[in-house]
Each structure stands twice: as C-alpha cells, then as structure tokens.
Amino acid sequence: MLELQERVLNELHFELAIPRDRLTVRFQNDYVILSGEVEWPYQKSCAEADVRRVPGVAGVANEIAVRRNAVHTHA
C-alpha cells in the first residue's frame, strides 16, 4: 500500500499542469480519492488521468472542484 501511495504522489508531483498545493490525495485500499480546487477543467481531468495510469490503482474518485468565479482575461 505504501508503495502505491508513493507512486501516485510521485506521478502528481511531476505533473506541472496541476497546482500541487491545491490537491488532497487520500487512499482507501487500492482506490485513490482526489479533492481540492483548481482553476481549469483540464487540470481536474489531467490529475485523474495521471493517477489512473499508475499500476495498482483500482479506481479513482475525482472530487476536485473547478473554480467557477475565477477571473480569466484574454490578451
């Protein structure tokens, strides 16, 4: 179990698209529960996809919220 946790956390650590300080990762047996808040929908999808690729992960519950009130400007 500890090895699985290390592999999942390592996978997320090296994903530059995801703000690490905004995610919480919990484990329940071989299942991973992601929570927190990100700015963009692709960040939520990317986190889940990264975790699903880790060998030994049986499933992912993606509870990451995407900020609705984020202000985005176009140059």
C-alpha atoms as a PDB file:
ATOM      1  CA  MET A   1       0.000   0.000   0.000  1.00  0.00           C
ATOM      2  CA  LEU A   2       2.794   2.432   0.870  1.00  0.00           C
ATOM      3  CA  GLU A   3       4.448   1.768  -2.483  1.00  0.00           C
ATOM      4  CA  LEU A   4       1.205   2.586  -4.302  1.00  0.00           C
ATOM      5  CA  GLN A   5       0.862   5.844  -2.385  1.00  0.00           C
ATOM      6  CA  GLU A   6       4.413   6.811  -3.276  1.00  0.00           C
ATOM      7  CA  ARG A   7       3.853   6.063  -6.964  1.00  0.00           C
ATOM      8  CA  VAL A   8       0.626   8.104  -7.069  1.00  0.00           C
ATOM      9  CA  LEU A   9       2.117  11.079  -5.238  1.00  0.00           C
ATOM     10  CA  ASN A  10       5.220  10.943  -7.420  1.00  0.00           C
ATOM     11  CA  GLU A  11       3.093  10.936 -10.581  1.00  0.00           C
ATOM     12  CA  LEU A  12       1.183  14.016  -9.422  1.00  0.00           C
ATOM     13  CA  HIS A  13       4.339  15.769  -8.220  1.00  0.00           C
ATOM     14  CA  PHE A  14       5.878  15.777 -11.693  1.00  0.00           C
ATOM     15  CA  GLU A  15       2.702  16.923 -13.457  1.00  0.00           C
ATOM     16  CA  LEU A  16       3.384  20.633 -13.977  1.00  0.00           C
ATOM     17  CA  ALA A  17      -0.161  21.389 -15.138  1.00  0.00           C
ATOM     18  CA  ILE A  18      -1.585  20.678 -11.690  1.00  0.00           C
ATOM     19  CA  PRO A  19      -1.030  23.034  -8.747  1.00  0.00           C
ATOM     20  CA  ARG A  20       0.193  20.579  -6.088  1.00  0.00           C
ATOM     21  CA  ASP A  21      -0.690  22.862  -3.203  1.00  0.00           C
ATOM     22  CA  ARG A  22      -4.376  22.729  -4.144  1.00  0.00           C
ATOM     23  CA  LEU A  23      -4.875  18.969  -4.183  1.00  0.00           C
ATOM     24  CA  THR A  24      -5.536  16.467  -1.437  1.00  0.00           C
ATOM     25  CA  VAL A  25      -4.931  12.805  -2.135  1.00  0.00           C
ATOM     26  CA  ARG A  26      -6.490  10.121   0.065  1.00  0.00           C
ATOM     27  CA  PHE A  27      -6.227   6.380  -0.252  1.00  0.00           C
ATOM     28  CA  GLN A  28      -8.744   3.675   0.548  1.00  0.00           C
ATOM     29  CA  ASN A  29      -7.139   0.327  -0.186  1.00  0.00           C
ATOM     30  CA  ASP A  30      -6.237   0.497  -3.893  1.00  0.00           C
ATOM     31  CA  TYR A  31      -8.608   3.377  -4.601  1.00  0.00           C
ATOM     32  CA  VAL A  32      -7.495   6.994  -4.802  1.00  0.00           C
ATOM     33  CA  ILE A  33      -9.695   9.928  -3.791  1.00  0.00           C
ATOM     34  CA  LEU A  34      -8.711  13.291  -5.250  1.00  0.00           C
ATOM     35  CA  SER A  35     -10.066  16.522  -3.817  1.00  0.00           C
ATOM     36  CA  GLY A  36      -9.197  20.195  -3.781  1.00  0.00           C
ATOM     37  CA  GLU A  37      -9.779  23.094  -6.127  1.00  0.00           C
ATOM     38  CA  VAL A  38      -8.220  24.051  -9.462  1.00  0.00           C
ATOM     39  CA  GLU A  39      -8.653  26.915 -11.912  1.00  0.00           C
ATOM     40  CA  TRP A  40      -9.295  24.953 -15.106  1.00  0.00           C
ATOM     41  CA  PRO A  41     -11.257  21.824 -16.043  1.00  0.00           C
ATOM     42  CA  TYR A  42      -8.239  20.323 -17.841  1.00  0.00           C
ATOM     43  CA  GLN A  43      -6.328  20.328 -14.529  1.00  0.00           C
ATOM     44  CA  LYS A  44      -9.033  18.175 -12.943  1.00  0.00           C
ATOM     45  CA  SER A  45      -9.016  15.762 -15.892  1.00  0.00           C
ATOM     46  CA  CYS A  46      -5.231  15.653 -16.026  1.00  0.00           C
ATOM     47  CA  ALA A  47      -4.936  14.736 -12.335  1.00  0.00           C
ATOM     48  CA  GLU A  48      -7.370  11.863 -12.735  1.00  0.00           C
ATOM     49  CA  ALA A  49      -5.707  10.594 -15.912  1.00  0.00           C
ATOM     50  CA  ASP A  50      -2.280  10.672 -14.266  1.00  0.00           C
ATOM     51  CA  VAL A  51      -3.482   8.674 -11.271  1.00  0.00           C
ATOM     52  CA  ARG A  52      -5.324   6.112 -13.423  1.00  0.00           C
ATOM     53  CA  ARG A  53      -2.049   5.360 -15.259  1.00  0.00           C
ATOM     54  CA  VAL A  54      -0.307   4.283 -12.040  1.00  0.00           C
ATOM     55  CA  PRO A  55      -0.068   0.478 -11.887  1.00  0.00           C
ATOM     56  CA  GLY A  56      -2.068  -0.930  -8.975  1.00  0.00           C
ATOM     57  CA  VAL A  57      -4.719   1.806  -8.813  1.00  0.00           C
ATOM     58  CA  ALA A  58      -8.093   0.072  -8.848  1.00  0.00           C
ATOM     59  CA  GLY A  59     -10.148   3.241  -9.240  1.00  0.00           C
ATOM     60  CA  VAL A  60     -10.247   6.998  -8.813  1.00  0.00           C
ATOM     61  CA  ALA A  61     -12.882   9.194  -7.201  1.00  0.00           C
ATOM     62  CA  ASN A  62     -12.318  12.669  -8.616  1.00  0.00           C
ATOM     63  CA  GLU A  63     -13.842  15.189  -6.213  1.00  0.00           C
ATOM     64  CA  ILE A  64     -11.706  18.099  -7.433  1.00  0.00           C
ATOM     65  CA  ALA A  65     -13.713  21.298  -7.819  1.00  0.00           C
ATOM     66  CA  VAL A  66     -13.151  23.767 -10.633  1.00  0.00           C
ATOM     67  CA  ARG A  67     -13.413  27.374  -9.505  1.00  0.00           C
ATOM     68  CA  ARG A  68     -16.457  28.965 -11.074  1.00  0.00           C
ATOM     69  CA  ASN A  69     -15.644  32.535 -10.124  1.00  0.00           C
ATOM     70  CA  ALA A  70     -12.090  32.610 -11.445  1.00  0.00           C
ATOM     71  CA  VAL A  71     -11.405  35.706 -13.499  1.00  0.00           C
ATOM     72  CA  HIS A  72      -9.751  34.903 -16.800  1.00  0.00           C
ATOM     73  CA  THR A  73      -8.697  37.596 -19.256  1.00  0.00           C
ATOM     74  CA  HIS A  74      -7.640  37.269 -22.853  1.00  0.00           C
ATOM     75  CA  ALA A  75      -4.798  39.387 -24.177  1.00  0.00           C
END
